[in-house]
C-alpha cells in the first residue's frame, strides 16, 4: 500500500515540484492541472491524468519493493 508520503516522493520523479502536503484533499481536476503545470520538460504535453497514474504506479511499486525487503 502506498502512502501519501510515497506519492509526494514519487511526484518529484515526473514533476519539477513535488505534490504539496494537502494534495490529497484536492479534486482530481486540480491534481491533474498541477501535474500538467509542473511536468518535467521532457514530458511536456502529457495528460495530467496519465502523469498522476505514472506517479501512483511508481509510489506503489517502490512501497511494494521496500515492504518486501523487511
PDB file of N, CA and C in Angstrom:
ATOM      1  N   UNK A   1       0.842  -1.173   0.000  1.00  0.00           N
ATOM      2  CA  UNK A   1       0.000   0.000   0.000  1.00  0.00           C
ATOM      3  C   UNK A   1       0.892   1.243   0.000  1.00  0.00           C
ATOM      4  N   UNK A   2       0.673   2.121  -0.956  1.00  0.00           N
ATOM      5  CA  UNK A   2       1.450   3.357  -0.963  1.00  0.00           C
ATOM      6  C   UNK A   2       0.836   4.331   0.035  1.00  0.00           C
ATOM      7  N   UNK A   3       1.636   5.251   0.450  1.00  0.00           N
ATOM      8  CA  UNK A   3       1.174   6.256   1.393  1.00  0.00           C
ATOM      9  C   UNK A   3       1.219   7.633   0.742  1.00  0.00           C
ATOM     10  N   UNK A   4       0.675   8.582   1.427  1.00  0.00           N
ATOM     11  CA  UNK A   4       0.710   9.955   0.955  1.00  0.00           C
ATOM     12  C   UNK A   4       2.160  10.401   0.763  1.00  0.00           C
ATOM     13  N   UNK A   5       3.034  10.045   1.682  1.00  0.00           N
ATOM     14  CA  UNK A   5       4.450  10.410   1.551  1.00  0.00           C
ATOM     15  C   UNK A   5       5.078   9.766   0.325  1.00  0.00           C
ATOM     16  N   UNK A   6       4.688   8.521   0.031  1.00  0.00           N
ATOM     17  CA  UNK A   6       5.196   7.849  -1.169  1.00  0.00           C
ATOM     18  C   UNK A   6       4.777   8.616  -2.420  1.00  0.00           C
ATOM     19  N   UNK A   7       3.544   9.072  -2.450  1.00  0.00           N
ATOM     20  CA  UNK A   7       3.044   9.815  -3.603  1.00  0.00           C
ATOM     21  C   UNK A   7       3.774  11.144  -3.759  1.00  0.00           C
ATOM     22  N   UNK A   8       4.009  11.826  -2.649  1.00  0.00           N
ATOM     23  CA  UNK A   8       4.729  13.098  -2.710  1.00  0.00           C
ATOM     24  C   UNK A   8       6.151  12.853  -3.220  1.00  0.00           C
ATOM     25  N   UNK A   9       6.807  11.806  -2.714  1.00  0.00           N
ATOM     26  CA  UNK A   9       8.156  11.456  -3.169  1.00  0.00           C
ATOM     27  C   UNK A   9       8.149  11.125  -4.656  1.00  0.00           C
ATOM     28  N   UNK A  10       7.224  10.269  -5.081  1.00  0.00           N
ATOM     29  CA  UNK A  10       7.178   9.827  -6.476  1.00  0.00           C
ATOM     30  C   UNK A  10       6.864  10.978  -7.425  1.00  0.00           C
ATOM     31  N   UNK A  11       6.089  11.947  -6.977  1.00  0.00           N
ATOM     32  CA  UNK A  11       5.741  13.059  -7.859  1.00  0.00           C
ATOM     33  C   UNK A  11       6.981  13.816  -8.325  1.00  0.00           C
ATOM     34  N   UNK A  12       8.021  13.825  -7.515  1.00  0.00           N
ATOM     35  CA  UNK A  12       9.258  14.505  -7.879  1.00  0.00           C
ATOM     36  C   UNK A  12      10.019  13.838  -9.008  1.00  0.00           C
ATOM     37  N   UNK A  13       9.610  12.628  -9.390  1.00  0.00           N
ATOM     38  CA  UNK A  13      10.256  11.934 -10.498  1.00  0.00           C
ATOM     39  C   UNK A  13       9.625  12.271 -11.849  1.00  0.00           C
ATOM     40  N   UNK A  14       8.506  12.984 -11.813  1.00  0.00           N
ATOM     41  CA  UNK A  14       7.812  13.372 -13.034  1.00  0.00           C
ATOM     42  C   UNK A  14       7.556  14.879 -13.102  1.00  0.00           C
ATOM     43  N   UNK A  15       7.586  15.529 -11.944  1.00  0.00           N
ATOM     44  CA  UNK A  15       7.236  16.943 -11.857  1.00  0.00           C
ATOM     45  C   UNK A  15       8.411  17.753 -11.329  1.00  0.00           C
ATOM     46  N   UNK A  16       8.473  19.002 -11.706  1.00  0.00           N
ATOM     47  CA  UNK A  16       9.515  19.892 -11.219  1.00  0.00           C
ATOM     48  C   UNK A  16       9.263  20.368  -9.806  1.00  0.00           C
ATOM     49  N   UNK A  17       8.077  20.131  -9.310  1.00  0.00           N
ATOM     50  CA  UNK A  17       7.711  20.480  -7.936  1.00  0.00           C
ATOM     51  C   UNK A  17       6.890  19.325  -7.373  1.00  0.00           C
ATOM     52  N   UNK A  18       7.281  18.830  -6.223  1.00  0.00           N
ATOM     53  CA  UNK A  18       6.542  17.726  -5.603  1.00  0.00           C
ATOM     54  C   UNK A  18       5.135  18.162  -5.227  1.00  0.00           C
ATOM     55  N   UNK A  19       4.238  17.165  -5.130  1.00  0.00           N
ATOM     56  CA  UNK A  19       2.911  17.455  -4.614  1.00  0.00           C
ATOM     57  C   UNK A  19       3.048  18.096  -3.239  1.00  0.00           C
ATOM     58  N   UNK A  20       2.210  19.076  -2.928  1.00  0.00           N
ATOM     59  CA  UNK A  20       2.209  19.642  -1.576  1.00  0.00           C
ATOM     60  C   UNK A  20       1.513  18.679  -0.602  1.00  0.00           C
ATOM     61  N   UNK A  21       1.688  18.924   0.680  1.00  0.00           N
ATOM     62  CA  UNK A  21       1.116  18.051   1.710  1.00  0.00           C
ATOM     63  C   UNK A  21      -0.404  17.889   1.616  1.00  0.00           C
ATOM     64  N   UNK A  22      -1.085  18.889   1.109  1.00  0.00           N
ATOM     65  CA  UNK A  22      -2.551  18.816   1.077  1.00  0.00           C
ATOM     66  C   UNK A  22      -3.116  18.348  -0.265  1.00  0.00           C
ATOM     67  N   UNK A  23      -2.255  17.815  -1.140  1.00  0.00           N
ATOM     68  CA  UNK A  23      -2.726  17.420  -2.468  1.00  0.00           C
ATOM     69  C   UNK A  23      -3.877  16.404  -2.383  1.00  0.00           C
ATOM     70  N   UNK A  24      -3.861  15.577  -1.343  1.00  0.00           N
ATOM     71  CA  UNK A  24      -4.865  14.520  -1.220  1.00  0.00           C
ATOM     72  C   UNK A  24      -6.265  15.066  -0.903  1.00  0.00           C
ATOM     73  N   UNK A  25      -6.354  16.337  -0.621  1.00  0.00           N
ATOM     74  CA  UNK A  25      -7.651  16.969  -0.362  1.00  0.00           C
ATOM     75  C   UNK A  25      -8.169  17.695  -1.617  1.00  0.00           C
ATOM     76  N   UNK A  26      -7.378  17.707  -2.676  1.00  0.00           N
ATOM     77  CA  UNK A  26      -7.742  18.376  -3.920  1.00  0.00           C
ATOM     78  C   UNK A  26      -8.686  17.510  -4.749  1.00  0.00           C
ATOM     79  N   UNK A  27      -9.401  18.156  -5.642  1.00  0.00           N
ATOM     80  CA  UNK A  27     -10.212  17.433  -6.623  1.00  0.00           C
ATOM     81  C   UNK A  27      -9.270  16.791  -7.647  1.00  0.00           C
ATOM     82  N   UNK A  28      -9.770  15.780  -8.349  1.00  0.00           N
ATOM     83  CA  UNK A  28      -8.965  15.156  -9.405  1.00  0.00           C
ATOM     84  C   UNK A  28      -8.535  16.186 -10.431  1.00  0.00           C
ATOM     85  N   UNK A  29      -9.447  17.072 -10.816  1.00  0.00           N
ATOM     86  CA  UNK A  29      -9.118  18.085 -11.821  1.00  0.00           C
ATOM     87  C   UNK A  29      -7.966  18.970 -11.367  1.00  0.00           C
ATOM     88  N   UNK A  30      -7.964  19.346 -10.095  1.00  0.00           N
ATOM     89  CA  UNK A  30      -6.896  20.201  -9.578  1.00  0.00           C
ATOM     90  C   UNK A  30      -5.569  19.439  -9.567  1.00  0.00           C
ATOM     91  N   UNK A  31      -5.596  18.171  -9.202  1.00  0.00           N
ATOM     92  CA  UNK A  31      -4.371  17.358  -9.211  1.00  0.00           C
ATOM     93  C   UNK A  31      -3.829  17.243 -10.630  1.00  0.00           C
ATOM     94  N   UNK A  32      -4.707  16.938 -11.591  1.00  0.00           N
ATOM     95  CA  UNK A  32      -4.273  16.780 -12.974  1.00  0.00           C
ATOM     96  C   UNK A  32      -3.710  18.090 -13.521  1.00  0.00           C
ATOM     97  N   UNK A  33      -4.338  19.196 -13.170  1.00  0.00           N
ATOM     98  CA  UNK A  33      -3.846  20.508 -13.618  1.00  0.00           C
ATOM     99  C   UNK A  33      -2.475  20.783 -13.012  1.00  0.00           C
ATOM    100  N   UNK A  34      -2.286  20.468 -11.732  1.00  0.00           N
ATOM    101  CA  UNK A  34      -0.987  20.641 -11.084  1.00  0.00           C
ATOM    102  C   UNK A  34       0.064  19.821 -11.828  1.00  0.00           C
ATOM    103  N   UNK A  35      -0.272  18.592 -12.160  1.00  0.00           N
ATOM    104  CA  UNK A  35       0.663  17.732 -12.893  1.00  0.00           C
ATOM    105  C   UNK A  35       1.048  18.369 -14.225  1.00  0.00           C
ATOM    106  N   UNK A  36       0.065  18.835 -14.964  1.00  0.00           N
ATOM    107  CA  UNK A  36       0.337  19.446 -16.265  1.00  0.00           C
ATOM    108  C   UNK A  36       1.141  20.733 -16.131  1.00  0.00           C
ATOM    109  N   UNK A  37       0.881  21.500 -15.087  1.00  0.00           N
ATOM    110  CA  UNK A  37       1.578  22.773 -14.883  1.00  0.00           C
ATOM    111  C   UNK A  37       3.017  22.604 -14.400  1.00  0.00           C
ATOM    112  N   UNK A  38       3.330  21.459 -13.787  1.00  0.00           N
ATOM    113  CA  UNK A  38       4.649  21.268 -13.186  1.00  0.00           C
ATOM    114  C   UNK A  38       5.436  20.110 -13.790  1.00  0.00           C
ATOM    115  N   UNK A  39       4.976  19.608 -14.929  1.00  0.00           N
ATOM    116  CA  UNK A  39       5.611  18.452 -15.558  1.00  0.00           C
ATOM    117  C   UNK A  39       7.036  18.788 -16.014  1.00  0.00           C
ATOM    118  N   UNK A  40       7.898  17.786 -15.950  1.00  0.00           N
ATOM    119  CA  UNK A  40       9.255  17.966 -16.473  1.00  0.00           C
ATOM    120  C   UNK A  40       9.178  18.278 -17.956  1.00  0.00           C
ATOM    121  N   UNK A  41      10.137  19.031 -18.436  1.00  0.00           N
ATOM    122  CA  UNK A  41      10.164  19.451 -19.835  1.00  0.00           C
ATOM    123  C   UNK A  41      10.105  18.256 -20.789  1.00  0.00           C
ATOM    124  N   UNK A  42      10.795  17.179 -20.457  1.00  0.00           N
ATOM    125  CA  UNK A  42      10.831  16.021 -21.363  1.00  0.00           C
ATOM    126  C   UNK A  42       9.466  15.335 -21.493  1.00  0.00           C
ATOM    127  N   UNK A  43       8.553  15.599 -20.568  1.00  0.00           N
ATOM    128  CA  UNK A  43       7.208  15.018 -20.619  1.00  0.00           C
ATOM    129  C   UNK A  43       6.148  16.062 -20.951  1.00  0.00           C
ATOM    130  N   UNK A  44       6.600  17.247 -21.330  1.00  0.00           N
ATOM    131  CA  UNK A  44       5.677  18.339 -21.609  1.00  0.00           C
ATOM    132  C   UNK A  44       4.617  17.914 -22.620  1.00  0.00           C
ATOM    133  N   UNK A  45       3.397  18.288 -22.362  1.00  0.00           N
ATOM    134  CA  UNK A  45       2.277  17.937 -23.225  1.00  0.00           C
ATOM    135  C   UNK A  45       1.558  16.672 -22.788  1.00  0.00           C
ATOM    136  N   UNK A  46       2.127  15.981 -21.796  1.00  0.00           N
ATOM    137  CA  UNK A  46       1.482  14.766 -21.292  1.00  0.00           C
ATOM    138  C   UNK A  46       0.207  15.136 -20.536  1.00  0.00           C
ATOM    139  N   UNK A  47      -0.755  14.288 -20.634  1.00  0.00           N
ATOM    140  CA  UNK A  47      -2.038  14.459 -19.965  1.00  0.00           C
ATOM    141  C   UNK A  47      -1.866  14.349 -18.442  1.00  0.00           C
ATOM    142  N   UNK A  48      -2.533  15.207 -17.704  1.00  0.00           N
ATOM    143  CA  UNK A  48      -2.431  15.215 -16.243  1.00  0.00           C
ATOM    144  C   UNK A  48      -2.852  13.910 -15.601  1.00  0.00           C
ATOM    145  N   UNK A  49      -3.899  13.295 -16.145  1.00  0.00           N
ATOM    146  CA  UNK A  49      -4.355  12.021 -15.588  1.00  0.00           C
ATOM    147  C   UNK A  49      -3.295  10.937 -15.804  1.00  0.00           C
ATOM    148  N   UNK A  50      -2.684  10.914 -16.992  1.00  0.00           N
ATOM    149  CA  UNK A  50      -1.626   9.954 -17.281  1.00  0.00           C
ATOM    150  C   UNK A  50      -0.445  10.172 -16.336  1.00  0.00           C
ATOM    151  N   UNK A  51      -0.079  11.421 -16.127  1.00  0.00           N
ATOM    152  CA  UNK A  51       1.032  11.724 -15.219  1.00  0.00           C
ATOM    153  C   UNK A  51       0.729  11.241 -13.809  1.00  0.00           C
ATOM    154  N   UNK A  52      -0.480  11.514 -13.336  1.00  0.00           N
ATOM    155  CA  UNK A  52      -0.854  11.066 -11.999  1.00  0.00           C
ATOM    156  C   UNK A  52      -0.792   9.549 -11.907  1.00  0.00           C
ATOM    157  N   UNK A  53      -1.256   8.859 -12.937  1.00  0.00           N
ATOM    158  CA  UNK A  53      -1.201   7.392 -12.945  1.00  0.00           C
ATOM    159  C   UNK A  53       0.234   6.890 -12.858  1.00  0.00           C
ATOM    160  N   UNK A  54       1.153   7.544 -13.552  1.00  0.00           N
ATOM    161  CA  UNK A  54       2.564   7.143 -13.509  1.00  0.00           C
ATOM    162  C   UNK A  54       3.159   7.370 -12.116  1.00  0.00           C
ATOM    163  N   UNK A  55       2.799   8.497 -11.509  1.00  0.00           N
ATOM    164  CA  UNK A  55       3.266   8.809 -10.153  1.00  0.00           C
ATOM    165  C   UNK A  55       2.740   7.759  -9.181  1.00  0.00           C
ATOM    166  N   UNK A  56       1.456   7.458  -9.293  1.00  0.00           N
ATOM    167  CA  UNK A  56       0.846   6.470  -8.413  1.00  0.00           C
ATOM    168  C   UNK A  56       1.484   5.090  -8.601  1.00  0.00           C
ATOM    169  N   UNK A  57       1.735   4.723  -9.832  1.00  0.00           N
ATOM    170  CA  UNK A  57       2.356   3.424 -10.115  1.00  0.00           C
ATOM    171  C   UNK A  57       3.755   3.347  -9.501  1.00  0.00           C
ATOM    172  N   UNK A  58       4.545   4.392  -9.648  1.00  0.00           N
ATOM    173  CA  UNK A  58       5.876   4.412  -9.046  1.00  0.00           C
ATOM    174  C   UNK A  58       5.778   4.321  -7.527  1.00  0.00           C
ATOM    175  N   UNK A  59       4.881   5.069  -6.926  1.00  0.00           N
ATOM    176  CA  UNK A  59       4.725   5.040  -5.467  1.00  0.00           C
ATOM    177  C   UNK A  59       4.362   3.636  -4.991  1.00  0.00           C
ATOM    178  N   UNK A  60       3.417   2.991  -5.660  1.00  0.00           N
ATOM    179  CA  UNK A  60       3.012   1.631  -5.286  1.00  0.00           C
ATOM    180  C   UNK A  60       4.157   0.647  -5.467  1.00  0.00           C
ATOM    181  N   UNK A  61       4.866   0.751  -6.591  1.00  0.00           N
ATOM    182  CA  UNK A  61       5.958  -0.183  -6.882  1.00  0.00           C
ATOM    183  C   UNK A  61       7.078  -0.084  -5.855  1.00  0.00           C
ATOM    184  N   UNK A  62       7.465   1.127  -5.535  1.00  0.00           N
ATOM    185  CA  UNK A  62       8.541   1.313  -4.561  1.00  0.00           C
ATOM    186  C   UNK A  62       8.096   0.844  -3.185  1.00  0.00           C
ATOM    187  N   UNK A  63       6.865   1.153  -2.789  1.00  0.00           N
ATOM    188  CA  UNK A  63       6.361   0.714  -1.481  1.00  0.00           C
ATOM    189  C   UNK A  63       6.334  -0.809  -1.416  1.00  0.00           C
ATOM    190  N   UNK A  64       5.888  -1.444  -2.476  1.00  0.00           N
ATOM    191  CA  UNK A  64       5.847  -2.907  -2.508  1.00  0.00           C
ATOM    192  C   UNK A  64       7.268  -3.483  -2.381  1.00  0.00           C
ATOM    193  N   UNK A  65       8.210  -2.899  -3.087  1.00  0.00           N
ATOM    194  CA  UNK A  65       9.591  -3.358  -3.024  1.00  0.00           C
ATOM    195  C   UNK A  65      10.164  -3.178  -1.611  1.00  0.00           C
ATOM    196  N   UNK A  66       9.992  -2.004  -1.053  1.00  0.00           N
ATOM    197  CA  UNK A  66      10.530  -1.724   0.292  1.00  0.00           C
ATOM    198  C   UNK A  66       9.920  -2.684   1.305  1.00  0.00           C
ATOM    199  N   UNK A  67       8.620  -2.863   1.249  1.00  0.00           N
ATOM    200  CA  UNK A  67       7.953  -3.764   2.200  1.00  0.00           C
ATOM    201  C   UNK A  67       8.408  -5.216   2.040  1.00  0.00           C
ATOM    202  N   UNK A  68       8.745  -5.601   0.826  1.00  0.00           N
ATOM    203  CA  UNK A  68       9.183  -6.991   0.590  1.00  0.00           C
ATOM    204  C   UNK A  68      10.590  -7.246   1.114  1.00  0.00           C
ATOM    205  N   UNK A  69      11.333  -6.196   1.394  1.00  0.00           N
ATOM    206  CA  UNK A  69      12.714  -6.324   1.864  1.00  0.00           C
ATOM    207  C   UNK A  69      12.810  -6.434   3.388  1.00  0.00           C
ATOM    208  N   UNK A  70      11.692  -6.331   4.066  1.00  0.00           N
ATOM    209  CA  UNK A  70      11.682  -6.370   5.540  1.00  0.00           C
ATOM    210  C   UNK A  70      11.782  -7.785   6.045  1.00  0.00           C
TER     211      UNK A  70
END
